[in-house]
Protein backbone atom coordinates (compact mmCIF):
# COMPACT_ATOMS: atom_id res chain seq x y z
CA MET A 1 2.87 17.15 20.05
CA ALA A 2 4.26 16.43 16.62
CA ASP A 3 2.95 18.50 13.74
CA ILE A 4 1.15 16.17 11.29
CA ARG A 5 -0.30 18.84 9.03
CA ASN A 6 0.05 17.75 5.44
CA ASN A 7 0.82 19.60 2.21
CA PHE A 8 0.55 17.27 -0.75
CA VAL A 9 1.25 18.97 -4.11
CA GLY A 10 -0.19 22.16 -2.65
CA ILE A 11 -3.29 20.45 -1.26
CA LYS A 12 -3.39 21.14 2.47
CA SER A 13 -5.08 19.01 5.11
CA PRO A 14 -4.82 18.84 8.92
CA ASN A 15 -3.36 15.31 8.76
CA PRO A 16 -2.06 12.89 6.10
CA PHE A 17 -5.03 10.51 6.35
CA TRP A 18 -7.37 10.67 3.36
CA LEU A 19 -10.25 8.38 2.49
CA ALA A 20 -9.66 6.72 -0.87
CA SER A 21 -12.11 6.90 -3.76
CA ALA A 22 -14.53 4.09 -2.91
CA PRO A 23 -18.01 3.44 -1.46
CA PRO A 24 -17.26 5.49 1.72
CA THR A 25 -16.84 8.67 -0.37
CA ASP A 26 -19.86 8.31 -2.66
CA LYS A 27 -22.00 11.08 -1.20
CA ALA A 28 -21.98 14.17 1.00
CA TYR A 29 -23.55 12.35 3.96
CA ASN A 30 -20.61 9.94 4.23
CA VAL A 31 -17.95 12.56 3.58
CA VAL A 32 -19.33 14.91 6.25
CA ARG A 33 -19.39 12.07 8.76
CA ALA A 34 -15.77 11.31 7.84
CA PHE A 35 -14.70 14.91 8.36
CA LYS A 36 -16.47 15.06 11.70
CA ALA A 37 -14.56 11.92 12.73
CA GLY A 38 -11.26 13.61 11.88
CA TRP A 39 -10.21 12.57 8.37
CA GLY A 40 -7.89 15.07 6.74
CA GLY A 41 -9.28 14.63 3.25
CA VAL A 42 -11.21 12.47 0.84
CA VAL A 43 -10.99 11.40 -2.76
CA TRP A 44 -14.61 11.55 -3.93
CA LYS A 45 -15.82 8.33 -5.49
CA THR A 46 -15.11 8.19 -9.23
CA LEU A 47 -17.32 10.36 -11.42
CA GLY A 48 -18.19 9.42 -14.99
CA GLU A 49 -19.44 11.54 -17.87
CA GLU A 50 -23.04 12.61 -18.32
CA GLY A 51 -25.08 10.06 -20.21
CA PRO A 52 -26.61 6.65 -19.58
CA PRO A 53 -26.55 5.91 -15.84
CA ILE A 54 -24.12 3.45 -14.29
CA VAL A 55 -26.01 0.39 -13.09
CA ASN A 56 -24.54 -1.68 -10.26
CA VAL A 57 -25.55 -5.21 -9.28
CA ASN A 58 -28.30 -5.40 -6.68
CA GLY A 59 -26.88 -8.46 -5.00
CA PRO A 60 -23.65 -9.10 -3.08
CA ARG A 61 -20.81 -6.78 -4.07
CA TYR A 62 -18.07 -8.02 -1.75
CA GLY A 63 -16.13 -11.21 -1.21
CA ALA A 64 -13.80 -11.63 1.75
CA ILE A 65 -10.78 -13.47 3.11
CA TRP A 66 -10.61 -13.87 6.89
CA GLY A 67 -7.93 -14.89 9.36
CA ALA A 68 -8.44 -17.66 11.88
CA ASP A 69 -10.03 -15.17 14.31
CA ARG A 70 -12.51 -13.94 11.67
CA ARG A 71 -10.50 -10.75 11.25
CA LEU A 72 -10.91 -9.36 7.76
CA LEU A 73 -7.67 -9.72 5.80
CA GLY A 74 -8.84 -8.93 2.29
CA LEU A 75 -11.94 -7.65 0.54
CA ASN A 76 -12.96 -8.27 -3.05
CA ASN A 77 -15.17 -5.56 -4.55
CA ILE A 78 -17.22 -5.71 -7.77
CA GLU A 79 -18.90 -2.33 -7.33
CA LEU A 80 -18.57 0.14 -10.21
CA ILE A 81 -17.94 3.89 -10.16
CA THR A 82 -20.65 6.12 -8.70
CA ASP A 83 -24.14 5.32 -9.92
CA ARG A 84 -25.41 8.74 -8.81
CA ASP A 85 -25.83 11.31 -11.57
CA LEU A 86 -22.99 13.69 -12.30
CA GLN A 87 -24.81 16.93 -11.41
CA THR A 88 -25.86 15.63 -7.99
CA ASN A 89 -22.27 14.69 -7.18
CA LEU A 90 -20.92 18.03 -8.39
CA ARG A 91 -23.46 19.96 -6.34
CA GLU A 92 -22.60 18.00 -3.18
CA ILE A 93 -18.83 18.37 -3.70
CA LYS A 94 -19.23 22.13 -3.99
CA GLN A 95 -21.30 22.36 -0.82
CA VAL A 96 -19.03 20.12 1.26
CA LYS A 97 -15.94 22.06 0.19
CA ARG A 98 -17.63 25.33 1.23
CA ASP A 99 -18.55 23.86 4.60
CA TRP A 100 -15.15 22.24 5.25
CA PRO A 101 -12.56 24.56 3.68
CA ASP A 102 -9.67 23.17 5.75
CA ARG A 103 -10.16 19.60 4.47
CA ALA A 104 -8.83 18.22 1.21
CA ILE A 105 -11.35 17.19 -1.44
CA VAL A 106 -9.92 15.52 -4.52
CA VAL A 107 -12.31 14.22 -7.19
CA SER A 108 -11.69 10.91 -8.92
CA ILE A 109 -12.61 10.89 -12.61
CA MET A 110 -12.98 8.17 -15.24
CA VAL A 111 -14.32 8.87 -18.73
CA PRO A 112 -13.66 7.28 -22.14
CA CYS A 113 -10.14 7.63 -23.52
CA GLU A 114 -11.12 10.50 -25.80
CA GLU A 115 -9.84 14.07 -25.51
CA GLU A 116 -13.28 15.67 -25.79
CA SER A 117 -14.64 13.58 -22.89
CA TRP A 118 -11.87 14.76 -20.56
CA LYS A 119 -12.07 18.33 -21.84
CA ALA A 120 -15.79 18.41 -21.09
CA ILE A 121 -15.76 17.12 -17.52
CA LEU A 122 -12.73 18.95 -16.15
CA PRO A 123 -14.30 22.46 -16.03
CA LEU A 124 -17.35 21.03 -14.28
CA VAL A 125 -15.20 19.56 -11.52
CA GLU A 126 -13.04 22.67 -11.29
CA GLU A 127 -16.12 24.84 -10.74
CA THR A 128 -16.90 22.96 -7.50
CA GLY A 129 -13.80 24.40 -5.85
CA ALA A 130 -12.30 20.94 -5.36
CA ASP A 131 -8.60 20.87 -4.52
CA GLY A 132 -7.52 18.45 -7.25
CA ILE A 133 -8.41 15.52 -9.45
CA GLU A 134 -7.37 11.88 -9.43
CA LEU A 135 -7.38 10.04 -12.76
CA ASN A 136 -8.73 6.55 -12.16
CA PHE A 137 -6.47 4.35 -14.29
CA GLY A 138 -6.75 1.44 -11.90
CA CYS A 139 -10.28 -0.01 -11.65
CA PRO A 140 -9.84 -3.68 -12.69
CA HIS A 141 -13.47 -4.71 -13.14
CA GLY A 142 -16.57 -3.53 -14.98
CA MET A 143 -15.19 -0.31 -16.38
CA SER A 144 -12.02 -1.90 -17.76
CA GLU A 145 -14.19 -4.01 -20.06
CA ARG A 146 -15.46 -0.69 -21.45
CA GLY A 147 -11.97 0.60 -22.26
CA MET A 148 -11.46 2.61 -19.06
CA GLY A 149 -9.83 2.04 -15.65
CA SER A 150 -7.00 -0.49 -15.73
CA ALA A 151 -7.48 -0.90 -19.49
CA VAL A 152 -5.86 2.56 -19.69
CA GLY A 153 -3.55 2.07 -16.72
CA GLN A 154 -1.91 -0.95 -18.34
CA VAL A 155 -0.85 1.06 -21.41
CA PRO A 156 1.83 3.67 -20.60
CA GLU A 157 1.19 5.55 -23.85
CA TYR A 158 -2.46 6.07 -22.90
CA ILE A 159 -1.48 7.23 -19.41
CA GLU A 160 0.88 9.84 -20.80
CA MET A 161 -1.66 11.00 -23.37
CA VAL A 162 -4.59 11.45 -20.97
CA THR A 163 -2.38 13.07 -18.35
CA ARG A 164 -1.27 15.66 -20.92
CA TRP A 165 -4.90 16.40 -21.78
CA CYS A 166 -5.78 16.96 -18.14
CA LYS A 167 -2.80 19.20 -17.47
CA GLN A 168 -3.81 21.21 -20.54
CA TYR A 169 -7.46 21.66 -19.59
CA THR A 170 -7.38 22.24 -15.82
CA ARG A 171 -5.56 24.38 -13.28
CA MET A 172 -6.12 21.75 -10.55
CA PRO A 173 -3.33 19.46 -9.39
CA VAL A 174 -3.49 16.14 -11.26
CA ILE A 175 -2.90 12.84 -9.44
CA VAL A 176 -2.66 9.70 -11.56
CA LYS A 177 -3.94 6.56 -9.81
CA LEU A 178 -1.98 3.51 -10.94
CA THR A 179 -3.08 -0.10 -11.30
CA PRO A 180 -1.03 -2.88 -9.68
CA ASN A 181 -2.21 -5.27 -12.39
CA ILE A 182 0.96 -4.81 -14.39
CA THR A 183 4.40 -6.43 -14.46
CA ASP A 184 6.55 -3.39 -13.62
CA ILE A 185 4.94 -0.40 -11.88
CA ARG A 186 7.78 1.89 -12.93
CA TYR A 187 6.62 2.07 -16.55
CA PRO A 188 3.16 3.58 -15.92
CA ALA A 189 4.68 5.89 -13.27
CA ARG A 190 7.26 7.11 -15.76
CA ALA A 191 4.53 7.66 -18.35
CA ALA A 192 2.50 9.74 -15.90
CA ASN A 193 5.61 11.73 -15.08
CA ARG A 194 6.30 12.39 -18.76
CA GLY A 195 2.70 13.53 -19.14
CA GLY A 196 3.29 16.17 -16.48
CA THR A 197 1.33 14.73 -13.58
CA ASP A 198 1.70 16.44 -10.22
CA ALA A 199 1.66 13.12 -8.35
CA VAL A 200 0.75 9.45 -8.53
CA SER A 201 -1.38 7.41 -6.15
CA LEU A 202 -1.11 3.65 -5.71
CA ILE A 203 -2.08 0.96 -5.50
CA ASN A 204 -5.54 0.52 -6.85
CA THR A 205 -7.13 -2.87 -6.27
CA VAL A 206 -5.65 -6.18 -7.39
CA SER A 207 -7.71 -8.21 -9.87
CA SER A 208 -8.94 -11.27 -7.99
CA ILE A 209 -11.42 -14.02 -7.25
CA THR A 210 -11.45 -14.57 -3.50
CA SER A 211 -13.35 -17.86 -3.31
CA VAL A 212 -15.61 -20.36 -5.06
CA ASN A 213 -18.86 -21.68 -3.61
CA LEU A 214 -18.43 -25.46 -3.71
CA ASP A 215 -22.19 -26.08 -3.60
CA THR A 216 -23.13 -23.85 -6.52
CA PHE A 217 -19.68 -23.82 -8.17
CA SER A 218 -19.81 -20.08 -8.71
CA PRO A 219 -17.25 -17.46 -7.63
CA GLU A 220 -18.12 -15.30 -4.63
CA PRO A 221 -19.79 -12.86 -4.53
CA SER A 222 -22.32 -14.75 -6.60
CA ILE A 223 -24.97 -12.97 -8.68
CA ASP A 224 -27.70 -15.38 -9.76
CA GLY A 225 -25.22 -18.24 -10.04
CA LYS A 226 -22.45 -16.31 -11.79
CA GLY A 227 -19.42 -14.43 -10.48
CA SER A 228 -16.79 -12.08 -11.83
CA HIS A 229 -13.28 -11.03 -10.95
CA GLY A 230 -13.16 -7.97 -8.71
CA GLY A 231 -10.71 -5.63 -7.01
CA TYR A 232 -8.84 -7.00 -3.98
CA CYS A 233 -7.90 -4.66 -1.14
CA GLY A 234 -7.26 -4.61 2.58
CA PRO A 235 -4.35 -5.64 4.84
CA ALA A 236 -3.41 -8.52 2.53
CA VAL A 237 -2.31 -6.18 -0.28
CA LYS A 238 -0.11 -3.93 1.88
CA PRO A 239 3.17 -5.75 1.03
CA ILE A 240 2.44 -5.37 -2.69
CA ALA A 241 1.67 -1.69 -2.22
CA LEU A 242 4.78 -0.96 -0.14
CA ASN A 243 7.01 -2.56 -2.76
CA MET A 244 5.44 -0.60 -5.61
CA VAL A 245 5.67 2.69 -3.72
CA ALA A 246 9.35 2.00 -3.03
CA GLU A 247 10.01 1.10 -6.67
CA ILE A 248 8.71 4.49 -7.82
CA ALA A 249 10.39 6.41 -5.00
CA ARG A 250 13.84 5.03 -5.86
CA ASP A 251 13.55 4.94 -9.65
CA PRO A 252 15.87 7.61 -11.14
CA GLU A 253 13.17 8.56 -13.68
CA THR A 254 10.49 9.20 -11.05
CA ARG A 255 12.56 10.07 -7.97
CA GLY A 256 11.00 13.09 -6.31
CA LEU A 257 7.57 12.49 -7.86
CA PRO A 258 5.00 12.91 -5.05
CA ILE A 259 3.24 9.67 -4.09
CA SER A 260 -0.05 9.10 -2.29
CA GLY A 261 0.23 5.64 -0.72
CA ILE A 262 -2.73 3.27 -0.81
CA GLY A 263 -3.15 -0.38 0.10
CA GLY A 264 -4.01 -2.01 3.41
CA VAL A 265 -3.43 0.99 5.69
CA THR A 266 -5.17 -0.04 8.91
CA THR A 267 -3.01 1.40 11.70
CA TRP A 268 -0.73 4.40 12.29
CA ARG A 269 2.22 2.04 11.85
CA ASP A 270 1.06 1.10 8.35
CA ALA A 271 0.85 4.79 7.48
CA ALA A 272 4.30 5.50 8.91
CA GLU A 273 5.77 2.70 6.80
CA PHE A 274 4.29 4.13 3.60
CA LEU A 275 5.59 7.59 4.50
CA ALA A 276 9.04 6.24 5.34
CA LEU A 277 9.21 4.62 1.90
CA GLY A 278 8.49 7.91 0.18
CA ALA A 279 4.72 8.49 0.21
CA GLY A 280 3.62 12.05 0.98
CA ASN A 281 0.33 10.94 2.50
CA VAL A 282 -1.90 7.85 2.63
CA GLN A 283 -5.37 6.91 1.48
CA VAL A 284 -7.56 4.45 3.38
CA CYS A 285 -10.64 2.47 2.41
CA THR A 286 -10.98 -1.09 3.74
CA ALA A 287 -10.10 -0.15 7.33
CA ALA A 288 -12.92 2.40 7.37
CA MET A 289 -15.30 -0.12 5.83
CA THR A 290 -14.29 -2.66 8.49
CA TYR A 291 -14.19 -0.51 11.64
CA GLY A 292 -15.97 2.75 10.78
CA PHE A 293 -14.72 6.30 10.30
CA LYS A 294 -13.54 6.82 13.89
CA ILE A 295 -10.57 4.51 13.30
CA VAL A 296 -8.77 7.60 12.02
CA GLN A 297 -8.58 8.92 15.58
CA GLU A 298 -6.39 5.97 16.58
CA MET A 299 -4.25 6.55 13.49
CA ILE A 300 -3.78 10.23 14.30
CA GLU A 301 -2.91 9.74 17.97
CA GLY A 302 -0.70 6.74 17.28
CA LEU A 303 1.29 8.58 14.63
CA LYS A 304 1.72 11.65 16.86
CA ASN A 305 2.85 9.56 19.82
CA TRP A 306 5.40 7.66 17.74
CA MET A 307 6.73 10.88 16.21
CA ASP A 308 7.09 12.45 19.67
CA GLU A 309 8.85 9.35 20.98
CA LYS A 310 11.29 9.32 18.05
CA GLY A 311 11.83 13.07 17.93
CA HIS A 312 10.17 13.72 14.56
CA ALA A 313 8.84 17.26 14.67
CA ASP A 314 6.87 17.00 11.44
CA LEU A 315 6.12 14.58 8.62
CA ASP A 316 8.96 15.81 6.43
CA SER A 317 11.47 14.68 9.04
CA PHE A 318 10.91 11.02 8.20
CA VAL A 319 9.18 10.89 4.80
CA GLY A 320 11.43 8.88 2.49
CA ARG A 321 13.91 7.92 5.23
CA ALA A 322 13.63 4.21 4.36
CA THR A 323 13.94 4.63 0.60
CA PRO A 324 17.78 4.62 0.45
CA ASN A 325 17.78 1.34 2.38
CA VAL A 326 15.75 -0.43 -0.32
CA THR A 327 18.17 -2.09 -2.71
CA ASP A 328 18.40 -4.96 -5.18
CA TRP A 329 19.26 -8.41 -3.83
CA GLN A 330 22.65 -8.42 -5.51
CA TYR A 331 23.81 -5.57 -3.28
CA LEU A 332 22.95 -7.21 0.05
CA ASN A 333 25.89 -7.79 2.40
CA LEU A 334 26.71 -11.52 2.23
CA ASN A 335 29.11 -11.12 5.17
CA TYR A 336 26.26 -10.30 7.56
CA VAL A 337 25.39 -13.26 9.83
CA ALA A 338 22.51 -13.60 12.32
CA LYS A 339 21.38 -16.65 14.30
CA ALA A 340 18.10 -17.51 16.00
CA ARG A 341 17.95 -17.53 19.81
CA ILE A 342 15.09 -18.98 21.87
CA ASN A 343 14.15 -17.31 25.15
CA GLN A 344 13.51 -20.31 27.39
CA ASP A 345 11.56 -18.20 29.90
CA LEU A 346 9.01 -17.31 27.20
CA CYS A 347 8.94 -20.68 25.40
CA ILE A 348 5.63 -22.54 25.85
CA LYS A 349 7.04 -25.80 24.41
CA CYS A 350 4.54 -25.93 21.55
CA GLY A 351 7.19 -27.27 19.17
CA ARG A 352 6.15 -25.33 16.09
CA CYS A 353 9.64 -23.98 15.56
CA HIS A 354 11.13 -27.48 15.65
CA ILE A 355 8.54 -28.97 13.29
CA VAL A 356 8.88 -26.33 10.56
CA CYS A 357 12.67 -26.27 10.79
CA GLU A 358 12.87 -30.08 10.78
CA ASP A 359 10.39 -30.59 7.94
CA THR A 360 11.00 -27.60 5.68
CA SER A 361 14.27 -25.91 6.58
CA HIS A 362 17.66 -26.81 8.06
CA GLN A 363 17.12 -29.15 11.02
CA ALA A 364 18.60 -26.52 13.31
CA ILE A 365 16.27 -26.77 16.35
CA THR A 366 16.41 -29.62 18.87
CA SER A 367 13.28 -31.13 20.37
CA LEU A 368 14.81 -33.11 23.23
CA VAL A 369 17.67 -32.45 25.61
CA ASP A 370 18.57 -35.37 27.93
CA GLY A 371 15.20 -36.91 27.14
CA VAL A 372 13.27 -33.79 28.17
CA ARG A 373 11.09 -31.79 25.74
CA HIS A 374 13.25 -28.77 25.07
CA PHE A 375 13.74 -26.54 22.05
CA GLU A 376 17.08 -24.96 21.34
CA VAL A 377 18.90 -23.69 18.26
CA ILE A 378 21.84 -25.71 16.92
CA GLU A 379 24.02 -22.79 15.97
CA GLU A 380 26.21 -24.57 13.43
CA GLU A 381 23.12 -25.67 11.46
CA CYS A 382 21.21 -22.36 11.65
CA VAL A 383 21.39 -20.30 8.47
CA GLY A 384 19.48 -17.37 9.97
CA CYS A 385 16.39 -17.77 7.76
CA ASN A 386 14.08 -16.63 10.65
CA LEU A 387 11.20 -18.96 9.71
CA CYS A 388 11.04 -19.99 13.37
CA VAL A 389 10.54 -16.36 14.41
CA ASN A 390 7.62 -16.01 12.03
CA VAL A 391 5.76 -19.17 13.11
CA CYS A 392 6.32 -18.85 16.87
CA PRO A 393 3.00 -17.93 18.56
CA VAL A 394 4.75 -16.04 21.39
CA GLU A 395 5.92 -12.57 20.43
CA GLY A 396 9.57 -12.01 21.34
CA CYS A 397 10.25 -15.64 22.25
CA ILE A 398 12.61 -16.19 19.31
CA ALA A 399 14.87 -13.40 18.13
CA MET A 400 17.57 -13.02 15.50
CA GLU A 401 20.93 -12.00 16.97
CA PRO A 402 23.66 -10.71 14.65
CA LEU A 403 27.13 -12.16 15.26
CA ALA A 404 29.76 -9.57 16.06
CA ALA A 405 32.60 -8.96 13.62
CA GLY A 406 35.43 -11.44 14.11
CA VAL A 407 33.26 -14.15 15.73
CA ILE A 408 33.63 -17.62 14.21
CA ASP A 409 30.49 -18.77 12.43
CA LYS A 410 30.21 -22.37 13.66
CA ARG A 411 28.35 -23.40 10.53
CA THR A 412 31.01 -22.23 8.06
CA GLN A 413 33.96 -22.20 10.48
CA GLN A 414 34.83 -18.80 9.06
CA PRO A 415 35.18 -15.49 10.91
CA VAL A 416 32.32 -13.04 10.48
CA SER A 417 33.61 -10.04 8.54
CA PRO A 418 32.88 -6.44 9.53
CA VAL A 419 29.73 -4.91 8.08
CA TYR A 420 30.94 -2.81 5.17
CA ALA A 421 29.58 0.70 4.92
CA ASN A 422 29.58 0.52 1.13
CA TRP A 423 28.75 -3.01 0.09
CA THR A 424 28.54 -1.97 -3.58
CA THR A 425 32.36 -1.70 -3.64
CA HIS A 426 33.16 -4.69 -1.44
CA PRO A 427 35.30 -7.29 -3.26
CA ASN A 428 33.05 -10.18 -2.18
CA ASN A 429 30.12 -8.57 -3.97
CA PRO A 430 30.01 -10.23 -7.41
CA MET A 431 28.59 -7.03 -8.94
CA ALA A 432 31.26 -4.75 -7.42
CA PRO A 433 34.09 -3.25 -9.45
CA LYS A 434 37.42 -5.01 -9.00
CA VAL A 435 39.19 -3.10 -6.24
CA ALA A 436 41.53 -4.03 -3.42
CA ALA A 437 39.96 -5.53 -0.30
CA GLU A 438 39.17 -3.07 2.43
């Protein structure tokens, strides 16, 4: 079997699946159950400084978005950081780490943006024997209104400053957790890198309102007739997370910076995609809250089986393999041509492909042939957009087939050019230097 042991900035765990800092990691009881189920590590739910207790709402804390089959697609969370006192958390972290020495325990921290506050809490966490700390610069609700969480994560100068403090006052590896609630994720990542962070983790939750109750006219979840924006997570945010991970992985200023990937990881395939884009491991929350801790067993076995099938002996053999294939639009090969093809043996004659192409695209799919209901691609009208593939309810019924070099594209009446190995220097690329045609 493939070796999926993980070493992330010196923090070792038996697999790359960690539970993210969230309700599932708020106490020893949950964390022990997670370790028994097979999780490789946890990020303990965010600790705050000693002082007035954190008070959470005592009503609904979650809003949700479901698919047509009631499958949970996204979860909105208005819960704050841990409302358990600091000393209780520290005592439990120390005990769990003693009992489970082979598992990774990273502690999430959020205190006011003052040097003395960070200087005070870091030795307390270090004394537990935890493997590292994660700086919570991402929480978009509750704490951000108090000058913490994403209020810090949206200001690169603050990120760099606090990261420097933490590197100065602790021996533990420092992971900076980034907020997605920002225009360009590269700027906070660069700031963390300048501050000396050992790694970044992303994404934290997306600021959101998932729904409005049209009887009471209050956002959900509703607390006594009022609602607030919360943090959105789950499968729906995975595309946002993948893009942001890739942006950091390929940015010259942060290339090589270790990344812990977070955002919608539900299956082994999701995890493999994050790793392929440059993440060193993944953190999971919503999937565990939806299906329970044992879902990690499917992730572990699925990842191992895929690695065996593809010949990947260990995680390093494919981490970052997809990163070089992420490019800017201007460098895409405009000579590449693919057309849709409908497998008539699989077609159930529902007509969805025809309707969407006829109404919203390029009128490239017939609905009748000799008066009989029949759906077929009109090659000269097809631009290869693949909308039909995405709306077809039958997997594999419609596929995109690239045209071979030299074939005449019936739509343009031009021969399809060879696929150039280096499109950045191809003369048809408007951004390429002026060189002779290949």
